[in-house]
Amino acid sequence: MSDVDDTLDDREGKYGSFRDVAKSSQKMQDVIRNGKNYDKMSFAQKEAIFMICNKISRMINGDVSYKDNAHDLAGYATLIEKDLDR
């Protein structure tokens, strides 16, 4: 097994299967893209929200107790807040 395979196995243990995470994340992103104010958001805000979708997806498909996910959610929310101050 390669180093990449080891990494993928480790991530699947923490986050669930990539396919499940991708499906959940993309469904959330579809809802966001269809929001009436989506086009008013900056690129930074959009990206941060999509990363939040990914983190939520990882939580609901993987280890809900993996604290790093919550930390990352707070980080991306902070990036949105900082973008609003520009």
C-alpha atoms as a PDB file:
ATOM      1  CA  MET A   1       0.000   0.000   0.000  1.00  0.00           C
ATOM      2  CA  SER A   2       1.299   3.477  -0.866  1.00  0.00           C
ATOM      3  CA  ASP A   3       1.605   6.511   1.382  1.00  0.00           C
ATOM      4  CA  VAL A   4      -1.340   8.068  -0.475  1.00  0.00           C
ATOM      5  CA  ASP A   5      -3.486   4.992   0.194  1.00  0.00           C
ATOM      6  CA  ASP A   6      -2.556   5.161   3.874  1.00  0.00           C
ATOM      7  CA  THR A   7      -3.569   8.818   3.968  1.00  0.00           C
ATOM      8  CA  LEU A   8      -6.875   8.108   2.203  1.00  0.00           C
ATOM      9  CA  ASP A   9      -7.650   5.278   4.630  1.00  0.00           C
ATOM     10  CA  ASP A  10      -6.897   7.559   7.571  1.00  0.00           C
ATOM     11  CA  ARG A  11      -9.131  10.328   6.182  1.00  0.00           C
ATOM     12  CA  GLU A  12     -11.978   7.910   5.508  1.00  0.00           C
ATOM     13  CA  GLY A  13     -11.800   6.828   9.131  1.00  0.00           C
ATOM     14  CA  LYS A  14     -12.152  10.435  10.279  1.00  0.00           C
ATOM     15  CA  TYR A  15     -14.467  11.863   7.631  1.00  0.00           C
ATOM     16  CA  GLY A  16     -16.382   8.964   6.084  1.00  0.00           C
ATOM     17  CA  SER A  17     -16.262   7.940   2.457  1.00  0.00           C
ATOM     18  CA  PHE A  18     -15.235  10.600  -0.044  1.00  0.00           C
ATOM     19  CA  ARG A  19     -18.308   9.853  -2.164  1.00  0.00           C
ATOM     20  CA  ASP A  20     -20.673  10.413   0.782  1.00  0.00           C
ATOM     21  CA  VAL A  21     -18.907  13.617   1.801  1.00  0.00           C
ATOM     22  CA  ALA A  22     -18.932  14.906  -1.782  1.00  0.00           C
ATOM     23  CA  LYS A  23     -22.642  14.164  -2.193  1.00  0.00           C
ATOM     24  CA  SER A  24     -23.642  15.911   1.046  1.00  0.00           C
ATOM     25  CA  SER A  25     -21.375  18.885   0.375  1.00  0.00           C
ATOM     26  CA  GLN A  26     -22.579  19.359  -3.205  1.00  0.00           C
ATOM     27  CA  LYS A  27     -26.236  19.228  -2.137  1.00  0.00           C
ATOM     28  CA  MET A  28     -25.609  21.971   0.431  1.00  0.00           C
ATOM     29  CA  GLN A  29     -23.701  24.013  -2.147  1.00  0.00           C
ATOM     30  CA  ASP A  30     -26.612  23.701  -4.602  1.00  0.00           C
ATOM     31  CA  VAL A  31     -28.918  25.242  -2.005  1.00  0.00           C
ATOM     32  CA  ILE A  32     -26.462  28.091  -1.454  1.00  0.00           C
ATOM     33  CA  ARG A  33     -25.953  28.756  -5.171  1.00  0.00           C
ATOM     34  CA  ASN A  34     -29.725  29.098  -5.542  1.00  0.00           C
ATOM     35  CA  GLY A  35     -30.013  31.638  -2.726  1.00  0.00           C
ATOM     36  CA  LYS A  36     -31.238  35.068  -3.808  1.00  0.00           C
ATOM     37  CA  ASN A  37     -28.116  36.847  -2.502  1.00  0.00           C
ATOM     38  CA  TYR A  38     -25.516  34.394  -3.781  1.00  0.00           C
ATOM     39  CA  ASP A  39     -24.409  36.720  -6.586  1.00  0.00           C
ATOM     40  CA  LYS A  40     -23.847  39.534  -4.077  1.00  0.00           C
ATOM     41  CA  MET A  41     -21.265  37.528  -2.147  1.00  0.00           C
ATOM     42  CA  SER A  42     -17.539  37.995  -2.697  1.00  0.00           C
ATOM     43  CA  PHE A  43     -15.436  35.137  -4.023  1.00  0.00           C
ATOM     44  CA  ALA A  44     -13.879  34.814  -0.564  1.00  0.00           C
ATOM     45  CA  GLN A  45     -17.285  34.555   1.115  1.00  0.00           C
ATOM     46  CA  LYS A  46     -18.463  31.941  -1.379  1.00  0.00           C
ATOM     47  CA  GLU A  47     -15.337  29.847  -0.954  1.00  0.00           C
ATOM     48  CA  ALA A  48     -15.494  30.014   2.828  1.00  0.00           C
ATOM     49  CA  ILE A  49     -19.145  28.925   2.802  1.00  0.00           C
ATOM     50  CA  PHE A  50     -18.338  26.045   0.465  1.00  0.00           C
ATOM     51  CA  MET A  51     -15.528  24.975   2.783  1.00  0.00           C
ATOM     52  CA  ILE A  52     -18.012  25.137   5.672  1.00  0.00           C
ATOM     53  CA  CYS A  53     -20.280  22.833   3.649  1.00  0.00           C
ATOM     54  CA  ASN A  54     -17.379  20.421   3.269  1.00  0.00           C
ATOM     55  CA  LYS A  55     -16.615  20.502   6.994  1.00  0.00           C
ATOM     56  CA  ILE A  56     -20.268  19.919   7.902  1.00  0.00           C
ATOM     57  CA  SER A  57     -20.324  17.049   5.405  1.00  0.00           C
ATOM     58  CA  ARG A  58     -17.278  15.503   6.999  1.00  0.00           C
ATOM     59  CA  MET A  59     -18.902  15.762  10.420  1.00  0.00           C
ATOM     60  CA  ILE A  60     -22.195  14.147   9.386  1.00  0.00           C
ATOM     61  CA  ASN A  61     -20.500  11.353   7.453  1.00  0.00           C
ATOM     62  CA  GLY A  62     -17.507  10.661   9.682  1.00  0.00           C
ATOM     63  CA  ASP A  63     -16.401  11.051  13.263  1.00  0.00           C
ATOM     64  CA  VAL A  64     -18.722  13.671  14.784  1.00  0.00           C
ATOM     65  CA  SER A  65     -16.360  14.013  17.739  1.00  0.00           C
ATOM     66  CA  TYR A  66     -13.296  14.941  15.661  1.00  0.00           C
ATOM     67  CA  LYS A  67     -12.650  18.391  17.139  1.00  0.00           C
ATOM     68  CA  ASP A  68     -10.615  19.677  14.179  1.00  0.00           C
ATOM     69  CA  ASN A  69     -13.823  19.937  12.113  1.00  0.00           C
ATOM     70  CA  ALA A  70     -15.391  22.362  14.601  1.00  0.00           C
ATOM     71  CA  HIS A  71     -12.160  24.344  14.746  1.00  0.00           C
ATOM     72  CA  ASP A  72     -12.120  24.616  10.945  1.00  0.00           C
ATOM     73  CA  LEU A  73     -15.776  25.730  10.893  1.00  0.00           C
ATOM     74  CA  ALA A  74     -14.918  28.555  13.271  1.00  0.00           C
ATOM     75  CA  GLY A  75     -11.925  29.477  11.127  1.00  0.00           C
ATOM     76  CA  TYR A  76     -13.918  29.723   7.902  1.00  0.00           C
ATOM     77  CA  ALA A  77     -16.651  31.735   9.651  1.00  0.00           C
ATOM     78  CA  THR A  78     -13.939  34.108  10.881  1.00  0.00           C
ATOM     79  CA  LEU A  79     -12.632  34.476   7.326  1.00  0.00           C
ATOM     80  CA  ILE A  80     -16.117  35.510   6.196  1.00  0.00           C
ATOM     81  CA  GLU A  81     -16.287  38.048   9.008  1.00  0.00           C
ATOM     82  CA  LYS A  82     -12.890  39.463   8.061  1.00  0.00           C
ATOM     83  CA  ASP A  83     -13.938  39.684   4.412  1.00  0.00           C
ATOM     84  CA  LEU A  84     -16.975  41.748   5.434  1.00  0.00           C
ATOM     85  CA  ASP A  85     -14.641  44.254   7.129  1.00  0.00           C
ATOM     86  CA  ARG A  86     -12.811  44.988   3.841  1.00  0.00           C
END
